[in-house]
């Protein structure tokens, strides 16, 4: 079992969702996030005052998958999120100790589905 965390551009969410659905991956959690990486933000002027924006809007996707779905999930995220420019995001693949479905009490691989 793995937990896949991806940080992507907000406008790429529809493309990533479509790629995930095409790969038969339907369960995901999406959270708004702020962050900066290699982009380092930008400066803008408002009423003559320079304003530094160095925390940019991102989306954090969290997807728990069984081991045989890891590669398909990662490839789908890359397919949907890649633009070839700085700021496309990152994908983290973490080992997951356990998963428990609250409704039924199922544990492990059965709980992920």
PDB file of N, CA and C in Angstrom:
ATOM      1  N   UNK A   1       0.844  -1.183   0.000  1.00  0.00           N
ATOM      2  CA  UNK A   1       0.000   0.000   0.000  1.00  0.00           C
ATOM      3  C   UNK A   1       0.882   1.236   0.000  1.00  0.00           C
ATOM      4  N   UNK A   2       0.503   2.193  -0.797  1.00  0.00           N
ATOM      5  CA  UNK A   2       1.264   3.442  -0.924  1.00  0.00           C
ATOM      6  C   UNK A   2       0.313   4.627  -0.820  1.00  0.00           C
ATOM      7  N   UNK A   3       0.847   5.724  -0.308  1.00  0.00           N
ATOM      8  CA  UNK A   3       0.144   7.001  -0.312  1.00  0.00           C
ATOM      9  C   UNK A   3       0.873   7.891  -1.299  1.00  0.00           C
ATOM     10  N   UNK A   4       0.171   8.332  -2.320  1.00  0.00           N
ATOM     11  CA  UNK A   4       0.759   9.201  -3.340  1.00  0.00           C
ATOM     12  C   UNK A   4       0.260  10.609  -3.085  1.00  0.00           C
ATOM     13  N   UNK A   5       1.206  11.525  -2.887  1.00  0.00           N
ATOM     14  CA  UNK A   5       0.895  12.934  -2.670  1.00  0.00           C
ATOM     15  C   UNK A   5       1.469  13.705  -3.856  1.00  0.00           C
ATOM     16  N   UNK A   6       0.621  14.487  -4.496  1.00  0.00           N
ATOM     17  CA  UNK A   6       1.062  15.279  -5.647  1.00  0.00           C
ATOM     18  C   UNK A   6       0.698  16.734  -5.426  1.00  0.00           C
ATOM     19  N   UNK A   7       1.634  17.615  -5.718  1.00  0.00           N
ATOM     20  CA  UNK A   7       1.403  19.053  -5.684  1.00  0.00           C
ATOM     21  C   UNK A   7       1.345  19.508  -7.141  1.00  0.00           C
ATOM     22  N   UNK A   8       0.194  20.067  -7.544  1.00  0.00           N
ATOM     23  CA  UNK A   8       0.011  20.449  -8.952  1.00  0.00           C
ATOM     24  C   UNK A   8      -0.542  21.861  -9.057  1.00  0.00           C
ATOM     25  N   UNK A   9      -0.516  22.390 -10.280  1.00  0.00           N
ATOM     26  CA  UNK A   9      -1.116  23.688 -10.565  1.00  0.00           C
ATOM     27  C   UNK A   9      -2.643  23.559 -10.509  1.00  0.00           C
ATOM     28  N   UNK A  10      -3.357  24.536  -9.930  1.00  0.00           N
ATOM     29  CA  UNK A  10      -4.813  24.437  -9.825  1.00  0.00           C
ATOM     30  C   UNK A  10      -5.533  24.258 -11.158  1.00  0.00           C
ATOM     31  N   UNK A  11      -5.074  24.919 -12.206  1.00  0.00           N
ATOM     32  CA  UNK A  11      -5.767  24.824 -13.499  1.00  0.00           C
ATOM     33  C   UNK A  11      -5.565  23.477 -14.182  1.00  0.00           C
ATOM     34  N   UNK A  12      -4.673  22.641 -13.653  1.00  0.00           N
ATOM     35  CA  UNK A  12      -4.419  21.321 -14.233  1.00  0.00           C
ATOM     36  C   UNK A  12      -5.298  20.228 -13.616  1.00  0.00           C
ATOM     37  N   UNK A  13      -6.106  20.558 -12.607  1.00  0.00           N
ATOM     38  CA  UNK A  13      -6.922  19.547 -11.944  1.00  0.00           C
ATOM     39  C   UNK A  13      -7.853  18.799 -12.904  1.00  0.00           C
ATOM     40  N   UNK A  14      -8.589  19.465 -13.786  1.00  0.00           N
ATOM     41  CA  UNK A  14      -9.459  18.701 -14.698  1.00  0.00           C
ATOM     42  C   UNK A  14      -8.683  17.695 -15.564  1.00  0.00           C
ATOM     43  N   UNK A  15      -7.510  18.090 -16.040  1.00  0.00           N
ATOM     44  CA  UNK A  15      -6.699  17.189 -16.866  1.00  0.00           C
ATOM     45  C   UNK A  15      -6.195  15.994 -16.056  1.00  0.00           C
ATOM     46  N   UNK A  16      -5.774  16.254 -14.813  1.00  0.00           N
ATOM     47  CA  UNK A  16      -5.286  15.170 -13.954  1.00  0.00           C
ATOM     48  C   UNK A  16      -6.425  14.220 -13.601  1.00  0.00           C
ATOM     49  N   UNK A  17      -7.597  14.765 -13.264  1.00  0.00           N
ATOM     50  CA  UNK A  17      -8.745  13.916 -12.949  1.00  0.00           C
ATOM     51  C   UNK A  17      -9.120  13.039 -14.134  1.00  0.00           C
ATOM     52  N   UNK A  18      -9.126  13.604 -15.333  1.00  0.00           N
ATOM     53  CA  UNK A  18      -9.472  12.819 -16.520  1.00  0.00           C
ATOM     54  C   UNK A  18      -8.456  11.698 -16.729  1.00  0.00           C
ATOM     55  N   UNK A  19      -7.165  12.009 -16.576  1.00  0.00           N
ATOM     56  CA  UNK A  19      -6.130  10.988 -16.751  1.00  0.00           C
ATOM     57  C   UNK A  19      -6.259   9.890 -15.693  1.00  0.00           C
ATOM     58  N   UNK A  20      -6.582  10.279 -14.455  1.00  0.00           N
ATOM     59  CA  UNK A  20      -6.774   9.280 -13.398  1.00  0.00           C
ATOM     60  C   UNK A  20      -7.992   8.410 -13.687  1.00  0.00           C
ATOM     61  N   UNK A  21      -9.087   9.012 -14.112  1.00  0.00           N
ATOM     62  CA  UNK A  21     -10.295   8.251 -14.426  1.00  0.00           C
ATOM     63  C   UNK A  21     -10.048   7.296 -15.591  1.00  0.00           C
ATOM     64  N   UNK A  22      -9.297   7.755 -16.595  1.00  0.00           N
ATOM     65  CA  UNK A  22      -8.957   6.883 -17.727  1.00  0.00           C
ATOM     66  C   UNK A  22      -8.120   5.686 -17.272  1.00  0.00           C
ATOM     67  N   UNK A  23      -7.340   5.854 -16.198  1.00  0.00           N
ATOM     68  CA  UNK A  23      -6.507   4.773 -15.651  1.00  0.00           C
ATOM     69  C   UNK A  23      -7.259   3.954 -14.598  1.00  0.00           C
ATOM     70  N   UNK A  24      -8.580   4.178 -14.486  1.00  0.00           N
ATOM     71  CA  UNK A  24      -9.437   3.448 -13.535  1.00  0.00           C
ATOM     72  C   UNK A  24      -9.091   3.743 -12.069  1.00  0.00           C
ATOM     73  N   UNK A  25      -8.674   4.981 -11.797  1.00  0.00           N
ATOM     74  CA  UNK A  25      -8.392   5.428 -10.430  1.00  0.00           C
ATOM     75  C   UNK A  25      -9.393   6.530 -10.126  1.00  0.00           C
ATOM     76  N   UNK A  26     -10.300   6.236  -9.181  1.00  0.00           N
ATOM     77  CA  UNK A  26     -11.426   7.129  -8.945  1.00  0.00           C
ATOM     78  C   UNK A  26     -11.412   7.795  -7.569  1.00  0.00           C
ATOM     79  N   UNK A  27     -10.581   7.328  -6.649  1.00  0.00           N
ATOM     80  CA  UNK A  27     -10.606   7.835  -5.278  1.00  0.00           C
ATOM     81  C   UNK A  27      -9.434   8.784  -5.053  1.00  0.00           C
ATOM     82  N   UNK A  28      -9.731  10.021  -4.673  1.00  0.00           N
ATOM     83  CA  UNK A  28      -8.678  10.977  -4.388  1.00  0.00           C
ATOM     84  C   UNK A  28      -9.197  12.060  -3.462  1.00  0.00           C
ATOM     85  N   UNK A  29      -8.281  12.705  -2.797  1.00  0.00           N
ATOM     86  CA  UNK A  29      -8.591  13.841  -1.940  1.00  0.00           C
ATOM     87  C   UNK A  29      -7.839  15.051  -2.490  1.00  0.00           C
ATOM     88  N   UNK A  30      -8.517  16.190  -2.586  1.00  0.00           N
ATOM     89  CA  UNK A  30      -7.911  17.411  -3.123  1.00  0.00           C
ATOM     90  C   UNK A  30      -7.989  18.501  -2.057  1.00  0.00           C
ATOM     91  N   UNK A  31      -6.853  19.165  -1.821  1.00  0.00           N
ATOM     92  CA  UNK A  31      -6.776  20.227  -0.823  1.00  0.00           C
ATOM     93  C   UNK A  31      -6.087  21.437  -1.441  1.00  0.00           C
ATOM     94  N   UNK A  32      -6.590  22.643  -1.144  1.00  0.00           N
ATOM     95  CA  UNK A  32      -5.896  23.865  -1.557  1.00  0.00           C
ATOM     96  C   UNK A  32      -4.648  24.032  -0.712  1.00  0.00           C
ATOM     97  N   UNK A  33      -3.571  24.503  -1.346  1.00  0.00           N
ATOM     98  CA  UNK A  33      -2.308  24.700  -0.631  1.00  0.00           C
ATOM     99  C   UNK A  33      -1.602  25.932  -1.189  1.00  0.00           C
ATOM    100  N   UNK A  34      -0.680  26.445  -0.415  1.00  0.00           N
ATOM    101  CA  UNK A  34       0.201  27.526  -0.847  1.00  0.00           C
ATOM    102  C   UNK A  34       1.626  27.028  -0.731  1.00  0.00           C
ATOM    103  N   UNK A  35       2.470  27.420  -1.685  1.00  0.00           N
ATOM    104  CA  UNK A  35       3.858  26.996  -1.600  1.00  0.00           C
ATOM    105  C   UNK A  35       4.707  27.650  -2.663  1.00  0.00           C
ATOM    106  N   UNK A  36       5.995  27.426  -2.542  1.00  0.00           N
ATOM    107  CA  UNK A  36       6.916  27.915  -3.552  1.00  0.00           C
ATOM    108  C   UNK A  36       8.028  26.899  -3.712  1.00  0.00           C
ATOM    109  N   UNK A  37       8.538  26.860  -4.883  1.00  0.00           N
ATOM    110  CA  UNK A  37       9.632  25.958  -5.194  1.00  0.00           C
ATOM    111  C   UNK A  37      10.608  26.709  -6.067  1.00  0.00           C
ATOM    112  N   UNK A  38      10.914  26.122  -7.198  1.00  0.00           N
ATOM    113  CA  UNK A  38      11.861  26.724  -8.115  1.00  0.00           C
ATOM    114  C   UNK A  38      11.317  28.009  -8.737  1.00  0.00           C
ATOM    115  N   UNK A  39       9.983  28.171  -8.745  1.00  0.00           N
ATOM    116  CA  UNK A  39       9.374  29.382  -9.309  1.00  0.00           C
ATOM    117  C   UNK A  39       9.761  30.629  -8.520  1.00  0.00           C
ATOM    118  N   UNK A  40       9.819  30.509  -7.213  1.00  0.00           N
ATOM    119  CA  UNK A  40      10.208  31.583  -6.291  1.00  0.00           C
ATOM    120  C   UNK A  40       9.245  32.752  -6.249  1.00  0.00           C
ATOM    121  N   UNK A  41       8.093  32.656  -6.872  1.00  0.00           N
ATOM    122  CA  UNK A  41       7.104  33.724  -6.800  1.00  0.00           C
ATOM    123  C   UNK A  41       7.343  34.810  -7.827  1.00  0.00           C
ATOM    124  N   UNK A  42       6.693  35.960  -7.571  1.00  0.00           N
ATOM    125  CA  UNK A  42       6.797  37.080  -8.499  1.00  0.00           C
ATOM    126  C   UNK A  42       6.508  38.370  -7.738  1.00  0.00           C
ATOM    127  N   UNK A  43       6.785  39.520  -8.389  1.00  0.00           N
ATOM    128  CA  UNK A  43       6.506  40.836  -7.822  1.00  0.00           C
ATOM    129  C   UNK A  43       5.442  41.515  -8.665  1.00  0.00           C
ATOM    130  N   UNK A  44       4.572  42.256  -8.001  1.00  0.00           N
ATOM    131  CA  UNK A  44       3.591  43.059  -8.734  1.00  0.00           C
ATOM    132  C   UNK A  44       3.464  44.407  -8.038  1.00  0.00           C
ATOM    133  N   UNK A  45       3.059  45.404  -8.796  1.00  0.00           N
ATOM    134  CA  UNK A  45       2.902  46.751  -8.255  1.00  0.00           C
ATOM    135  C   UNK A  45       1.420  47.083  -8.181  1.00  0.00           C
ATOM    136  N   UNK A  46       0.988  47.538  -7.010  1.00  0.00           N
ATOM    137  CA  UNK A  46      -0.399  47.938  -6.813  1.00  0.00           C
ATOM    138  C   UNK A  46      -0.398  49.313  -6.170  1.00  0.00           C
ATOM    139  N   UNK A  47      -0.949  50.294  -6.868  1.00  0.00           N
ATOM    140  CA  UNK A  47      -0.983  51.687  -6.409  1.00  0.00           C
ATOM    141  C   UNK A  47       0.404  52.191  -6.002  1.00  0.00           C
ATOM    142  N   UNK A  48       1.392  51.827  -6.807  1.00  0.00           N
ATOM    143  CA  UNK A  48       2.742  52.312  -6.598  1.00  0.00           C
ATOM    144  C   UNK A  48       3.539  51.558  -5.547  1.00  0.00           C
ATOM    145  N   UNK A  49       2.943  50.556  -4.931  1.00  0.00           N
ATOM    146  CA  UNK A  49       3.633  49.775  -3.906  1.00  0.00           C
ATOM    147  C   UNK A  49       3.985  48.409  -4.489  1.00  0.00           C
ATOM    148  N   UNK A  50       5.246  48.038  -4.359  1.00  0.00           N
ATOM    149  CA  UNK A  50       5.689  46.734  -4.860  1.00  0.00           C
ATOM    150  C   UNK A  50       5.297  45.667  -3.835  1.00  0.00           C
ATOM    151  N   UNK A  51       4.639  44.641  -4.319  1.00  0.00           N
ATOM    152  CA  UNK A  51       4.173  43.554  -3.462  1.00  0.00           C
ATOM    153  C   UNK A  51       4.822  42.252  -3.935  1.00  0.00           C
ATOM    154  N   UNK A  52       5.550  41.588  -3.035  1.00  0.00           N
ATOM    155  CA  UNK A  52       6.203  40.321  -3.366  1.00  0.00           C
ATOM    156  C   UNK A  52       5.244  39.174  -3.075  1.00  0.00           C
ATOM    157  N   UNK A  53       4.995  38.341  -4.070  1.00  0.00           N
ATOM    158  CA  UNK A  53       4.155  37.160  -3.899  1.00  0.00           C
ATOM    159  C   UNK A  53       5.064  35.951  -4.045  1.00  0.00           C
ATOM    160  N   UNK A  54       5.395  35.303  -2.913  1.00  0.00           N
ATOM    161  CA  UNK A  54       6.275  34.148  -3.016  1.00  0.00           C
ATOM    162  C   UNK A  54       5.626  32.848  -2.531  1.00  0.00           C
ATOM    163  N   UNK A  55       4.382  32.896  -2.151  1.00  0.00           N
ATOM    164  CA  UNK A  55       3.623  31.673  -1.898  1.00  0.00           C
ATOM    165  C   UNK A  55       2.524  31.600  -2.956  1.00  0.00           C
ATOM    166  N   UNK A  56       2.648  30.643  -3.838  1.00  0.00           N
ATOM    167  CA  UNK A  56       1.742  30.521  -4.972  1.00  0.00           C
ATOM    168  C   UNK A  56       0.689  29.453  -4.703  1.00  0.00           C
ATOM    169  N   UNK A  57      -0.480  29.608  -5.348  1.00  0.00           N
ATOM    170  CA  UNK A  57      -1.564  28.643  -5.172  1.00  0.00           C
ATOM    171  C   UNK A  57      -1.207  27.315  -5.825  1.00  0.00           C
ATOM    172  N   UNK A  58      -1.439  26.241  -5.094  1.00  0.00           N
ATOM    173  CA  UNK A  58      -1.214  24.879  -5.566  1.00  0.00           C
ATOM    174  C   UNK A  58      -2.381  24.020  -5.101  1.00  0.00           C
ATOM    175  N   UNK A  59      -2.484  22.826  -5.646  1.00  0.00           N
ATOM    176  CA  UNK A  59      -3.427  21.828  -5.162  1.00  0.00           C
ATOM    177  C   UNK A  59      -2.629  20.627  -4.696  1.00  0.00           C
ATOM    178  N   UNK A  60      -3.061  20.062  -3.577  1.00  0.00           N
ATOM    179  CA  UNK A  60      -2.427  18.854  -3.043  1.00  0.00           C
ATOM    180  C   UNK A  60      -3.400  17.700  -3.250  1.00  0.00           C
ATOM    181  N   UNK A  61      -2.962  16.712  -4.007  1.00  0.00           N
ATOM    182  CA  UNK A  61      -3.754  15.505  -4.226  1.00  0.00           C
ATOM    183  C   UNK A  61      -3.193  14.398  -3.346  1.00  0.00           C
ATOM    184  N   UNK A  62      -4.077  13.668  -2.695  1.00  0.00           N
ATOM    185  CA  UNK A  62      -3.662  12.512  -1.909  1.00  0.00           C
ATOM    186  C   UNK A  62      -4.451  11.313  -2.406  1.00  0.00           C
ATOM    187  N   UNK A  63      -3.734  10.263  -2.773  1.00  0.00           N
ATOM    188  CA  UNK A  63      -4.361   9.075  -3.329  1.00  0.00           C
ATOM    189  C   UNK A  63      -3.716   7.856  -2.675  1.00  0.00           C
ATOM    190  N   UNK A  64      -4.517   7.045  -1.995  1.00  0.00           N
ATOM    191  CA  UNK A  64      -4.036   5.793  -1.405  1.00  0.00           C
ATOM    192  C   UNK A  64      -4.326   4.676  -2.397  1.00  0.00           C
ATOM    193  N   UNK A  65      -3.292   3.914  -2.748  1.00  0.00           N
ATOM    194  CA  UNK A  65      -3.454   2.839  -3.728  1.00  0.00           C
ATOM    195  C   UNK A  65      -2.741   1.579  -3.264  1.00  0.00           C
ATOM    196  N   UNK A  66      -3.201   0.449  -3.781  1.00  0.00           N
ATOM    197  CA  UNK A  66      -2.480  -0.800  -3.583  1.00  0.00           C
ATOM    198  C   UNK A  66      -1.264  -0.794  -4.496  1.00  0.00           C
ATOM    199  N   UNK A  67      -0.283  -1.635  -4.179  1.00  0.00           N
ATOM    200  CA  UNK A  67       1.006  -1.614  -4.877  1.00  0.00           C
ATOM    201  C   UNK A  67       0.892  -1.762  -6.392  1.00  0.00           C
ATOM    202  N   UNK A  68      -0.088  -2.533  -6.879  1.00  0.00           N
ATOM    203  CA  UNK A  68      -0.181  -2.737  -8.322  1.00  0.00           C
ATOM    204  C   UNK A  68      -0.761  -1.538  -9.064  1.00  0.00           C
ATOM    205  N   UNK A  69      -1.208  -0.491  -8.363  1.00  0.00           N
ATOM    206  CA  UNK A  69      -1.745   0.712  -9.010  1.00  0.00           C
ATOM    207  C   UNK A  69      -0.798   1.909  -8.917  1.00  0.00           C
ATOM    208  N   UNK A  70       0.358   1.744  -8.295  1.00  0.00           N
ATOM    209  CA  UNK A  70       1.267   2.880  -8.068  1.00  0.00           C
ATOM    210  C   UNK A  70       1.743   3.469  -9.391  1.00  0.00           C
ATOM    211  N   UNK A  71       2.278   2.640 -10.275  1.00  0.00           N
ATOM    212  CA  UNK A  71       2.827   3.149 -11.536  1.00  0.00           C
ATOM    213  C   UNK A  71       1.755   3.808 -12.398  1.00  0.00           C
ATOM    214  N   UNK A  72       0.589   3.198 -12.472  1.00  0.00           N
ATOM    215  CA  UNK A  72      -0.497   3.773 -13.280  1.00  0.00           C
ATOM    216  C   UNK A  72      -0.941   5.122 -12.725  1.00  0.00           C
ATOM    217  N   UNK A  73      -0.978   5.239 -11.399  1.00  0.00           N
ATOM    218  CA  UNK A  73      -1.385   6.494 -10.769  1.00  0.00           C
ATOM    219  C   UNK A  73      -0.368   7.592 -11.039  1.00  0.00           C
ATOM    220  N   UNK A  74       0.901   7.287 -10.846  1.00  0.00           N
ATOM    221  CA  UNK A  74       1.965   8.274 -11.073  1.00  0.00           C
ATOM    222  C   UNK A  74       1.976   8.712 -12.539  1.00  0.00           C
ATOM    223  N   UNK A  75       1.873   7.764 -13.458  1.00  0.00           N
ATOM    224  CA  UNK A  75       1.865   8.107 -14.885  1.00  0.00           C
ATOM    225  C   UNK A  75       0.665   8.972 -15.253  1.00  0.00           C
ATOM    226  N   UNK A  76      -0.494   8.695 -14.661  1.00  0.00           N
ATOM    227  CA  UNK A  76      -1.686   9.499 -14.953  1.00  0.00           C
ATOM    228  C   UNK A  76      -1.520  10.925 -14.441  1.00  0.00           C
ATOM    229  N   UNK A  77      -0.959  11.081 -13.258  1.00  0.00           N
ATOM    230  CA  UNK A  77      -0.742  12.435 -12.710  1.00  0.00           C
ATOM    231  C   UNK A  77       0.223  13.202 -13.605  1.00  0.00           C
ATOM    232  N   UNK A  78       1.306  12.550 -14.001  1.00  0.00           N
ATOM    233  CA  UNK A  78       2.280  13.215 -14.881  1.00  0.00           C
ATOM    234  C   UNK A  78       1.629  13.599 -16.207  1.00  0.00           C
ATOM    235  N   UNK A  79       0.853  12.686 -16.781  1.00  0.00           N
ATOM    236  CA  UNK A  79       0.189  12.954 -18.055  1.00  0.00           C
ATOM    237  C   UNK A  79      -0.729  14.172 -17.961  1.00  0.00           C
ATOM    238  N   UNK A  80      -1.475  14.293 -16.865  1.00  0.00           N
ATOM    239  CA  UNK A  80      -2.411  15.396 -16.728  1.00  0.00           C
ATOM    240  C   UNK A  80      -1.791  16.705 -16.290  1.00  0.00           C
ATOM    241  N   UNK A  81      -0.694  16.657 -15.527  1.00  0.00           N
ATOM    242  CA  UNK A  81      -0.141  17.870 -14.917  1.00  0.00           C
ATOM    243  C   UNK A  81       1.025  18.485 -15.680  1.00  0.00           C
ATOM    244  N   UNK A  82       1.668  17.721 -16.552  1.00  0.00           N
ATOM    245  CA  UNK A  82       2.891  18.217 -17.199  1.00  0.00           C
ATOM    246  C   UNK A  82       2.594  19.273 -18.255  1.00  0.00           C
ATOM    247  N   UNK A  83       3.298  20.403 -18.119  1.00  0.00           N
ATOM    248  CA  UNK A  83       3.266  21.433 -19.159  1.00  0.00           C
ATOM    249  C   UNK A  83       4.668  21.638 -19.728  1.00  0.00           C
ATOM    250  N   UNK A  84       5.677  21.125 -19.033  1.00  0.00           N
ATOM    251  CA  UNK A  84       7.057  21.295 -19.464  1.00  0.00           C
ATOM    252  C   UNK A  84       7.707  22.559 -18.940  1.00  0.00           C
ATOM    253  N   UNK A  85       6.987  23.294 -18.085  1.00  0.00           N
ATOM    254  CA  UNK A  85       7.508  24.545 -17.532  1.00  0.00           C
ATOM    255  C   UNK A  85       7.763  24.388 -16.041  1.00  0.00           C
ATOM    256  N   UNK A  86       8.581  25.282 -15.500  1.00  0.00           N
ATOM    257  CA  UNK A  86       8.829  25.292 -14.061  1.00  0.00           C
ATOM    258  C   UNK A  86       7.505  25.496 -13.345  1.00  0.00           C
ATOM    259  N   UNK A  87       7.282  24.724 -12.280  1.00  0.00           N
ATOM    260  CA  UNK A  87       6.063  24.874 -11.496  1.00  0.00           C
ATOM    261  C   UNK A  87       5.029  23.792 -11.761  1.00  0.00           C
ATOM    262  N   UNK A  88       5.372  22.795 -12.576  1.00  0.00           N
ATOM    263  CA  UNK A  88       4.425  21.706 -12.836  1.00  0.00           C
ATOM    264  C   UNK A  88       4.090  20.931 -11.570  1.00  0.00           C
ATOM    265  N   UNK A  89       5.006  20.859 -10.627  1.00  0.00           N
ATOM    266  CA  UNK A  89       4.711  20.222  -9.349  1.00  0.00           C
ATOM    267  C   UNK A  89       5.633  19.074  -9.016  1.00  0.00           C
ATOM    268  N   UNK A  90       5.242  18.337  -7.984  1.00  0.00           N
ATOM    269  CA  UNK A  90       6.022  17.208  -7.491  1.00  0.00           C
ATOM    270  C   UNK A  90       5.077  16.073  -7.130  1.00  0.00           C
ATOM    271  N   UNK A  91       5.609  14.843  -7.147  1.00  0.00           N
ATOM    272  CA  UNK A  91       4.868  13.667  -6.708  1.00  0.00           C
ATOM    273  C   UNK A  91       5.717  12.956  -5.670  1.00  0.00           C
ATOM    274  N   UNK A  92       5.100  12.630  -4.535  1.00  0.00           N
ATOM    275  CA  UNK A  92       5.763  11.892  -3.472  1.00  0.00           C
ATOM    276  C   UNK A  92       5.049  10.560  -3.302  1.00  0.00           C
ATOM    277  N   UNK A  93       5.795   9.474  -3.230  1.00  0.00           N
ATOM    278  CA  UNK A  93       5.222   8.146  -3.026  1.00  0.00           C
ATOM    279  C   UNK A  93       5.729   7.636  -1.682  1.00  0.00           C
ATOM    280  N   UNK A  94       4.791   7.439  -0.740  1.00  0.00           N
ATOM    281  CA  UNK A  94       5.145   7.042   0.619  1.00  0.00           C
ATOM    282  C   UNK A  94       4.576   5.665   0.937  1.00  0.00           C
ATOM    283  N   UNK A  95       5.325   4.894   1.724  1.00  0.00           N
ATOM    284  CA  UNK A  95       4.787   3.634   2.231  1.00  0.00           C
ATOM    285  C   UNK A  95       3.701   3.944   3.250  1.00  0.00           C
ATOM    286  N   UNK A  96       2.637   3.157   3.209  1.00  0.00           N
ATOM    287  CA  UNK A  96       1.528   3.361   4.132  1.00  0.00           C
ATOM    288  C   UNK A  96       1.453   2.142   5.044  1.00  0.00           C
ATOM    289  N   UNK A  97       1.495   2.379   6.336  1.00  0.00           N
ATOM    290  CA  UNK A  97       1.489   1.282   7.302  1.00  0.00           C
ATOM    291  C   UNK A  97       0.188   0.516   7.318  1.00  0.00           C
ATOM    292  N   UNK A  98      -0.926   1.213   7.369  1.00  0.00           N
ATOM    293  CA  UNK A  98      -2.212   0.544   7.450  1.00  0.00           C
ATOM    294  C   UNK A  98      -3.310   1.478   6.967  1.00  0.00           C
ATOM    295  N   UNK A  99      -4.421   0.901   6.622  1.00  0.00           N
ATOM    296  CA  UNK A  99      -5.605   1.652   6.217  1.00  0.00           C
ATOM    297  C   UNK A  99      -6.811   0.934   6.806  1.00  0.00           C
ATOM    298  N   UNK A 100      -7.735   1.677   7.385  1.00  0.00           N
ATOM    299  CA  UNK A 100      -8.928   1.085   7.988  1.00  0.00           C
ATOM    300  C   UNK A 100     -10.150   1.806   7.450  1.00  0.00           C
ATOM    301  N   UNK A 101     -11.079   1.052   6.890  1.00  0.00           N
ATOM    302  CA  UNK A 101     -12.335   1.629   6.421  1.00  0.00           C
ATOM    303  C   UNK A 101     -13.264   1.739   7.624  1.00  0.00           C
ATOM    304  N   UNK A 102     -13.678   2.940   7.952  1.00  0.00           N
ATOM    305  CA  UNK A 102     -14.474   3.191   9.154  1.00  0.00           C
ATOM    306  C   UNK A 102     -15.811   2.459   9.100  1.00  0.00           C
ATOM    307  N   UNK A 103     -16.486   2.514   7.960  1.00  0.00           N
ATOM    308  CA  UNK A 103     -17.832   1.938   7.851  1.00  0.00           C
ATOM    309  C   UNK A 103     -17.862   0.442   8.136  1.00  0.00           C
ATOM    310  N   UNK A 104     -16.891  -0.314   7.568  1.00  0.00           N
ATOM    311  CA  UNK A 104     -16.949  -1.777   7.677  1.00  0.00           C
ATOM    312  C   UNK A 104     -15.907  -2.368   8.607  1.00  0.00           C
ATOM    313  N   UNK A 105     -14.887  -1.597   8.950  1.00  0.00           N
ATOM    314  CA  UNK A 105     -13.808  -2.119   9.784  1.00  0.00           C
ATOM    315  C   UNK A 105     -12.758  -2.873   8.994  1.00  0.00           C
ATOM    316  N   UNK A 106     -12.886  -2.916   7.656  1.00  0.00           N
ATOM    317  CA  UNK A 106     -11.882  -3.602   6.835  1.00  0.00           C
ATOM    318  C   UNK A 106     -10.524  -2.941   7.016  1.00  0.00           C
ATOM    319  N   UNK A 107      -9.467  -3.760   6.912  1.00  0.00           N
ATOM    320  CA  UNK A 107      -8.116  -3.242   7.095  1.00  0.00           C
ATOM    321  C   UNK A 107      -7.236  -3.627   5.907  1.00  0.00           C
ATOM    322  N   UNK A 108      -6.181  -2.852   5.723  1.00  0.00           N
ATOM    323  CA  UNK A 108      -5.192  -3.163   4.697  1.00  0.00           C
ATOM    324  C   UNK A 108      -5.689  -2.955   3.290  1.00  0.00           C
ATOM    325  N   UNK A 109      -5.271  -3.858   2.394  1.00  0.00           N
ATOM    326  CA  UNK A 109      -5.589  -3.738   0.964  1.00  0.00           C
ATOM    327  C   UNK A 109      -7.087  -3.722   0.693  1.00  0.00           C
ATOM    328  N   UNK A 110      -7.855  -4.461   1.468  1.00  0.00           N
ATOM    329  CA  UNK A 110      -9.301  -4.503   1.264  1.00  0.00           C
ATOM    330  C   UNK A 110      -9.945  -3.145   1.559  1.00  0.00           C
ATOM    331  N   UNK A 111      -9.384  -2.403   2.500  1.00  0.00           N
ATOM    332  CA  UNK A 111      -9.954  -1.109   2.871  1.00  0.00           C
ATOM    333  C   UNK A 111      -9.720  -0.056   1.776  1.00  0.00           C
ATOM    334  N   UNK A 112      -8.606  -0.183   1.064  1.00  0.00           N
ATOM    335  CA  UNK A 112      -8.326   0.796   0.010  1.00  0.00           C
ATOM    336  C   UNK A 112      -9.238   0.573  -1.184  1.00  0.00           C
ATOM    337  N   UNK A 113      -9.463  -0.669  -1.536  1.00  0.00           N
ATOM    338  CA  UNK A 113     -10.378  -0.987  -2.639  1.00  0.00           C
ATOM    339  C   UNK A 113      -9.712  -1.105  -3.964  1.00  0.00           C
TER     340      UNK A 113
END
